[in-house]
Amino acid sequence: MKTKIREYRKELKMTQEELAEAVNVTRQTIIALEQGRYNPSLVLAYMVTKALQKRYIEDVFLLDELE
């Protein structure tokens, strides 16, 4: 799954560690999300979306039709 996490995080001048703390996961989880190696639960996707100050999950997580 592709995401815009890195882009939005950098816009907010937020580190991976700060985002991880905000959503109660490890920095490694944020890295995996940014690299598209991990599909989050709906709850985690929602928490990341809110931490990045976005309104819709679809703004952050780009669903690939082939997945």
Protein backbone atom coordinates (compact mmCIF):
# COMPACT_ATOMS: atom_id res chain seq x y z
CA MET A 1 0.00 0.00 0.00
CA LYS A 2 1.37 3.39 -0.95
CA THR A 3 1.14 6.26 1.48
CA LYS A 4 1.83 9.96 1.75
CA ILE A 5 2.95 9.64 5.36
CA ARG A 6 6.52 10.83 4.75
CA GLU A 7 5.35 13.82 2.70
CA TYR A 8 2.79 14.98 5.26
CA ARG A 9 5.09 14.24 8.20
CA LYS A 10 7.82 16.42 6.69
CA GLU A 11 5.31 19.22 6.00
CA LEU A 12 4.60 19.22 9.75
CA LYS A 13 8.33 19.04 10.55
CA MET A 14 7.60 15.85 12.50
CA THR A 15 10.15 13.08 12.99
CA GLN A 16 9.34 9.41 12.59
CA GLU A 17 9.83 9.05 16.34
CA GLU A 18 7.35 11.85 17.09
CA LEU A 19 4.74 10.30 14.81
CA ALA A 20 5.34 6.89 16.35
CA GLU A 21 4.81 8.30 19.85
CA ALA A 22 1.66 10.13 18.74
CA VAL A 23 0.06 6.90 17.51
CA ASN A 24 1.61 4.58 20.10
CA VAL A 25 3.71 2.38 17.77
CA THR A 26 7.43 1.91 17.23
CA ARG A 27 9.53 3.97 14.85
CA GLN A 28 10.08 0.75 12.88
CA THR A 29 6.33 0.56 12.26
CA ILE A 30 6.34 4.11 10.87
CA ILE A 31 9.28 3.21 8.62
CA ALA A 32 7.42 0.13 7.34
CA LEU A 33 4.28 2.21 6.72
CA GLU A 34 6.23 4.87 4.83
CA GLN A 35 7.89 2.23 2.67
CA GLY A 36 4.61 0.46 1.95
CA ARG A 37 5.75 -2.76 3.61
CA TYR A 38 2.98 -2.82 6.22
CA ASN A 39 -0.78 -2.54 5.88
CA PRO A 40 -2.15 -0.91 9.02
CA SER A 41 -5.33 -1.78 10.83
CA LEU A 42 -8.21 0.62 10.28
CA VAL A 43 -7.65 2.03 13.78
CA LEU A 44 -3.95 2.67 13.15
CA ALA A 45 -4.69 4.23 9.74
CA TYR A 46 -7.20 6.55 11.42
CA MET A 47 -4.75 7.49 14.18
CA VAL A 48 -1.97 8.24 11.66
CA THR A 49 -4.37 10.31 9.56
CA LYS A 50 -5.38 12.42 12.56
CA ALA A 51 -1.78 12.78 13.79
CA LEU A 52 -0.88 14.14 10.35
CA GLN A 53 -3.79 16.59 10.59
CA LYS A 54 -5.64 15.15 7.61
CA ARG A 55 -9.37 14.62 7.46
CA TYR A 56 -9.71 11.41 5.44
CA ILE A 57 -7.77 8.15 5.54
CA GLU A 58 -7.78 8.21 1.73
CA ASP A 59 -5.70 11.40 1.86
CA VAL A 60 -2.86 9.48 3.50
CA PHE A 61 -3.24 5.84 2.41
CA LEU A 62 -3.51 5.25 -1.32
CA LEU A 63 -5.31 2.01 -2.07
CA ASP A 64 -3.93 0.12 -5.05
CA GLU A 65 -6.79 -1.45 -7.01
CA LEU A 66 -4.72 -4.58 -7.60
CA GLU A 67 -4.27 -5.34 -3.89
